[in-house]
Structure formats: C-alpha cells, structure tokens
Amino acid sequence: MQFWFHYLRIDKANRAYYRQLCNVLGFAPGRLNLYTTALSHRSVREHAEDNNERLEYLGDAVLSGIVADYLFKRYPYKGEGFLTEMRSKMVNRQTLNEIAIKMGLKKITLYNRNDNSLKISQIFGNTLEALVGAIYLDKGYDKTKHWVYKRIVTPHMFVDDLEILEINHKNRLYGWANKNGKVLEFETLDEKMENGRRLFRVGAVVDGELIAEGKAFNKKDASQIAAQVAVDKLGI
C-alpha cells in the first residue's frame, strides 16, 4: 500500500527511478526526501542540507556500530585487535564501494556524470553509508540493523574469507621498500575542514617521489588508501 501511495504521487518521469530505489532497498521508503538526499552527491547539490555528506557521516557511524555488534557476537572469544581489524576489512572504503556498485547504487546515485573521475571514484561507497543513515532516520535502529545484515553482510561480506585477507597495504609497501632498498614515507599533504570533520590528504612518497595519494577523515585511513593505490600502481 505504501509503495502505491508514493508511486501514484510521483510524476511519470520519476517513477522508473522510484522503482529502482525500491528494488535496491527491498522496501518502500517512508520519508522519500531522506533517500533523495542520500543519493545526491555534492557535485550536483552543493549545499550541505541537500547533498549526502551529512547522512554519510551518520551512516558511517551506524554501519560501524552494527558491524561491531555483529562481530562481537560472532566471535565471543576473540580479542579487541582481531575485532577491530575485521571491522576495518568489512567497512573500508573500497569494500563498500564494490558492494554499492553490485547493489545498483551507481545507477541511481545523482552525481555529475560528465566528470569521468567520479565514475571511477569511491563515491558510491559513501552513498551506501548515506543510505544507511537515511534508513536509520526513516525506520529506526532495529530495522536498519536487519537491513544491513540482509542486504550487505550476508550477500556480500564473506567473513570466513575476510579472516585471512591481508588489508594492511602499508605493511606490504614497507616490505617492498625494504627489499628493494627504497626509502618510504607517508606525508600529510593537506588537511581541511569538511562538513565539521577534518579531511586529510596523505601521500606515499618513495625516494622523495610522490607515488600515490589517499583522502580520509583520519590520517591512518588516508595513509592506508594511499598505500593501496601505490601497491596497485607498482604491481606489488
């Protein structure tokens, strides 16, 4: 009933989009404006109240908490270090971006499609976090938790495989540098305030040459992203 109520109120041009959104969600949204905002990148909507960056901030925290709860219960005898590393594997930017694309978010995210760099960027993982934030505000924590389990964790996060996955790209890069007599450093190239959070840009520098860059809201994540880009670029 809720689907048809919203569907009939939407003009014909946007009905296909609404159907795609419902297919991704698996339910009919209540507060449709929340989801429109969650799917709007700042490249098409500059103002903070119109784009998804605030919802991304909220969804990041909600998703991290849900995954932490899931791991805490799944591994009752594992220590804090293991749980923290597993959570990092499950909610890192690349993983979420891949999941978002598989879910079909790339097709319904509103962004500047003329900007080719955005098409291959990780904005869709950010959009997925924003979507989690929208669901949380629309449906509450329990339903969001159920949705995350059903739509993200179970079909896309194969935890047994993640246990043996190496994600510490910095260690791999340091190992390569030591083996080849290279001097590797991670330098903070820039930091600025963005929507109330400090955004860091960190570079991986080999023998004084900038090899790769990474951006994140803390230096540790930014350096890991830079290391991952460097590992891929160098074919390590």
Protein backbone atom coordinates (compact mmCIF):
# COMPACT_ATOMS: atom_id res chain seq x y z
CA MET A 1 0.00 0.00 0.00
CA GLN A 2 2.79 2.42 0.93
CA PHE A 3 4.56 1.75 -2.38
CA TRP A 4 1.47 2.61 -4.42
CA PHE A 5 0.73 5.68 -2.29
CA HIS A 6 4.12 7.16 -3.11
CA TYR A 7 4.18 5.75 -6.65
CA LEU A 8 0.95 7.48 -7.67
CA ARG A 9 2.14 10.80 -6.26
CA ILE A 10 5.35 10.72 -8.34
CA ASP A 11 5.28 12.06 -11.88
CA LYS A 12 5.78 9.56 -14.68
CA ALA A 13 9.33 10.70 -15.44
CA ASN A 14 10.50 9.73 -11.94
CA ARG A 15 8.52 6.52 -11.48
CA ALA A 16 11.23 4.33 -13.02
CA TYR A 17 13.76 5.87 -10.65
CA TYR A 18 11.46 5.21 -7.69
CA ARG A 19 11.06 1.56 -8.72
CA GLN A 20 14.86 1.21 -8.93
CA LEU A 21 15.21 2.69 -5.44
CA CYS A 22 12.63 0.28 -4.04
CA ASN A 23 14.44 -2.63 -5.70
CA VAL A 24 17.73 -1.61 -4.07
CA LEU A 25 16.12 -1.08 -0.68
CA GLY A 26 13.77 -4.04 -0.73
CA PHE A 27 11.04 -1.89 0.78
CA ALA A 28 9.08 1.29 0.06
CA PRO A 29 10.68 4.32 1.73
CA GLY A 30 8.64 6.30 4.20
CA ARG A 31 10.37 9.68 4.16
CA LEU A 32 11.30 9.79 0.50
CA ASN A 33 13.20 13.08 0.83
CA LEU A 34 15.79 11.38 3.05
CA TYR A 35 16.65 8.89 0.32
CA THR A 36 16.77 11.56 -2.36
CA THR A 37 19.30 13.42 -0.23
CA ALA A 38 21.25 10.22 0.50
CA LEU A 39 21.63 9.59 -3.23
CA SER A 40 22.69 13.16 -4.10
CA HIS A 41 26.42 13.84 -4.43
CA ARG A 42 27.76 17.32 -3.80
CA SER A 43 28.76 17.59 -7.47
CA VAL A 44 25.08 18.16 -8.25
CA ARG A 45 23.93 19.66 -4.96
CA GLU A 46 26.44 21.93 -3.23
CA HIS A 47 24.56 22.88 -0.06
CA ALA A 48 25.09 20.66 2.98
CA GLU A 49 21.35 20.25 3.59
CA ASP A 50 20.82 18.99 0.02
CA ASN A 51 23.68 16.54 -0.57
CA ASN A 52 24.53 13.27 1.14
CA GLU A 53 27.60 14.18 3.18
CA ARG A 54 25.77 14.68 6.48
CA LEU A 55 23.90 11.40 6.02
CA GLU A 56 27.20 9.74 5.09
CA TYR A 57 28.63 10.89 8.42
CA LEU A 58 25.65 9.42 10.29
CA GLY A 59 25.52 6.23 8.25
CA ASP A 60 29.24 5.63 8.73
CA ALA A 61 28.76 5.60 12.50
CA VAL A 62 25.59 3.47 12.37
CA LEU A 63 27.10 0.92 9.98
CA SER A 64 30.30 0.69 12.01
CA GLY A 65 28.26 0.08 15.16
CA ILE A 66 26.13 -2.62 13.53
CA VAL A 67 29.19 -4.41 12.17
CA ALA A 68 30.93 -4.14 15.55
CA ASP A 69 27.89 -5.71 17.23
CA TYR A 70 27.77 -8.46 14.60
CA LEU A 71 31.47 -9.32 15.08
CA PHE A 72 31.26 -9.15 18.87
CA LYS A 73 28.54 -11.81 18.85
CA ARG A 74 30.05 -13.94 16.07
CA TYR A 75 33.46 -14.13 17.74
CA PRO A 76 32.84 -14.35 21.52
CA TYR A 77 36.41 -15.38 22.32
CA LYS A 78 38.39 -13.09 20.02
CA GLY A 79 40.29 -10.06 21.31
CA GLU A 80 39.87 -6.37 20.56
CA GLY A 81 42.66 -6.31 17.97
CA PHE A 82 41.11 -9.06 15.87
CA LEU A 83 37.64 -7.50 16.07
CA THR A 84 38.97 -4.07 15.08
CA GLU A 85 40.85 -5.47 12.10
CA MET A 86 37.81 -7.47 10.95
CA ARG A 87 35.61 -4.39 11.19
CA SER A 88 38.15 -2.46 9.10
CA LYS A 89 38.03 -5.18 6.45
CA MET A 90 34.23 -5.07 6.35
CA VAL A 91 33.66 -1.31 6.25
CA ASN A 92 36.71 0.01 4.41
CA ARG A 93 36.00 2.37 1.53
CA GLN A 94 36.94 0.01 -1.30
CA THR A 95 34.79 -2.84 0.06
CA LEU A 96 31.76 -0.60 0.48
CA ASN A 97 32.25 0.91 -2.96
CA GLU A 98 32.29 -2.53 -4.60
CA ILE A 99 29.19 -3.57 -2.66
CA ALA A 100 27.37 -0.36 -3.59
CA ILE A 101 28.02 -0.94 -7.29
CA LYS A 102 26.84 -4.56 -7.06
CA MET A 103 23.67 -3.36 -5.34
CA GLY A 104 22.95 -0.98 -8.20
CA LEU A 105 23.63 2.30 -6.40
CA LYS A 106 25.80 3.60 -9.22
CA LYS A 107 22.72 3.66 -11.46
CA ILE A 108 20.59 5.73 -9.09
CA THR A 109 23.17 7.98 -7.45
CA LEU A 110 22.79 11.58 -8.59
CA TYR A 111 26.23 12.93 -9.47
CA ASN A 112 27.93 14.87 -12.26
CA ARG A 113 28.17 12.15 -14.90
CA ASN A 114 30.29 14.42 -17.10
CA ASP A 115 33.09 14.18 -14.53
CA ASN A 116 34.89 11.00 -15.56
CA SER A 117 36.92 10.93 -12.35
CA LEU A 118 33.74 10.47 -10.31
CA LYS A 119 32.70 7.43 -12.36
CA ILE A 120 35.75 5.52 -11.15
CA SER A 121 35.95 7.05 -7.68
CA GLN A 122 34.68 5.65 -4.39
CA ILE A 123 31.69 7.97 -4.03
CA PHE A 124 29.29 5.02 -4.26
CA GLY A 125 30.61 3.54 -1.04
CA ASN A 126 29.98 6.94 0.54
CA THR A 127 26.48 6.85 -0.93
CA LEU A 128 25.88 3.44 0.63
CA GLU A 129 26.80 4.86 4.04
CA ALA A 130 24.46 7.79 3.43
CA LEU A 131 21.71 5.33 2.54
CA VAL A 132 22.25 3.53 5.84
CA GLY A 133 21.89 6.90 7.55
CA ALA A 134 18.63 7.56 5.72
CA ILE A 135 17.22 4.15 6.65
CA TYR A 136 18.19 4.74 10.27
CA LEU A 137 16.32 8.06 10.37
CA ASP A 138 13.35 6.63 8.48
CA LYS A 139 12.97 3.19 10.07
CA GLY A 140 14.98 3.18 13.30
CA TYR A 141 17.96 1.16 14.50
CA ASP A 142 16.45 -2.35 14.63
CA LYS A 143 15.15 -2.28 11.05
CA THR A 144 18.40 -0.72 9.85
CA LYS A 145 20.35 -3.50 11.55
CA HIS A 146 18.14 -6.12 9.88
CA TRP A 147 18.59 -4.39 6.51
CA VAL A 148 22.38 -4.25 6.85
CA TYR A 149 22.51 -7.96 7.71
CA LYS A 150 20.18 -8.92 4.85
CA ARG A 151 21.41 -6.60 2.11
CA ILE A 152 25.09 -6.03 2.93
CA VAL A 153 26.65 -8.52 5.35
CA THR A 154 25.05 -11.83 4.27
CA PRO A 155 25.22 -11.47 0.46
CA HIS A 156 28.47 -9.51 0.15
CA MET A 157 30.71 -9.93 3.20
CA PHE A 158 32.11 -13.45 3.34
CA VAL A 159 33.54 -13.28 6.82
CA ASP A 160 35.49 -16.56 6.71
CA ASP A 161 37.37 -15.29 3.65
CA LEU A 162 37.92 -11.88 5.24
CA GLU A 163 39.66 -13.51 8.21
CA ILE A 164 42.61 -14.46 6.00
CA LEU A 165 42.53 -11.35 3.80
CA GLU A 166 45.54 -9.06 4.11
CA ILE A 167 44.41 -5.44 4.12
CA ASN A 168 47.42 -3.76 5.68
CA HIS A 169 48.74 -2.29 2.46
CA LYS A 170 51.22 -0.14 4.37
CA ASN A 171 53.00 -3.24 5.63
CA ARG A 172 53.15 -4.66 2.11
CA LEU A 173 54.54 -1.39 0.79
CA TYR A 174 57.12 -1.14 3.59
CA GLY A 175 58.16 -4.74 2.89
CA TRP A 176 58.63 -3.95 -0.79
CA ALA A 177 60.60 -0.79 0.03
CA ASN A 178 62.92 -2.60 2.45
CA LYS A 179 63.50 -5.43 -0.01
CA ASN A 180 64.39 -3.02 -2.82
CA GLY A 181 66.41 -0.52 -0.80
CA LYS A 182 63.82 2.24 -1.14
CA VAL A 183 63.01 4.98 1.37
CA LEU A 184 59.24 5.03 2.01
CA GLU A 185 57.48 7.82 3.87
CA PHE A 186 53.87 8.86 4.36
CA GLU A 187 53.43 12.62 4.33
CA THR A 188 50.38 14.70 5.17
CA LEU A 189 49.90 16.79 2.05
CA ASP A 190 46.85 18.71 3.15
CA GLU A 191 44.18 18.89 5.82
CA LYS A 192 40.98 20.91 5.83
CA MET A 193 37.59 21.06 7.50
CA GLU A 194 34.75 19.50 5.52
CA ASN A 195 31.23 19.39 6.97
CA GLY A 196 32.54 19.67 10.50
CA ARG A 197 35.18 16.95 10.07
CA ARG A 198 38.87 17.23 9.34
CA LEU A 199 39.74 15.70 5.96
CA PHE A 200 43.33 14.54 5.47
CA ARG A 201 45.22 14.03 2.22
CA VAL A 202 48.22 11.76 2.72
CA GLY A 203 50.84 10.86 0.15
CA ALA A 204 53.01 7.75 -0.21
CA VAL A 205 56.49 9.04 -1.04
CA VAL A 206 59.22 6.71 -2.34
CA ASP A 207 62.77 8.08 -2.56
CA GLY A 208 61.36 11.60 -2.44
CA GLU A 209 58.85 11.00 -5.25
CA LEU A 210 55.11 11.18 -4.62
CA ILE A 211 53.72 7.83 -5.80
CA ALA A 212 50.11 7.90 -4.62
CA GLU A 213 47.61 9.84 -2.53
CA GLY A 214 44.73 8.97 -0.25
CA LYS A 215 41.98 11.00 1.41
CA ALA A 216 40.08 10.14 4.59
CA PHE A 217 38.78 11.67 7.79
CA ASN A 218 41.75 10.36 9.77
CA LYS A 219 45.43 10.02 8.85
CA LYS A 220 45.53 6.26 9.39
CA ASP A 221 42.80 5.55 6.82
CA ALA A 222 44.21 8.12 4.40
CA SER A 223 47.66 6.52 4.53
CA GLN A 224 46.18 3.04 4.03
CA ILE A 225 44.31 4.28 0.95
CA ALA A 226 47.50 5.89 -0.38
CA ALA A 227 49.39 2.64 0.27
CA GLN A 228 46.71 0.61 -1.52
CA VAL A 229 46.89 2.90 -4.57
CA ALA A 230 50.69 2.64 -4.52
CA VAL A 231 50.60 -1.17 -4.24
CA ASP A 232 48.28 -1.37 -7.25
CA LYS A 233 50.33 1.16 -9.23
CA LEU A 234 53.62 -0.60 -8.54
CA GLY A 235 52.16 -4.05 -9.12
CA ILE A 236 53.28 -5.34 -5.74
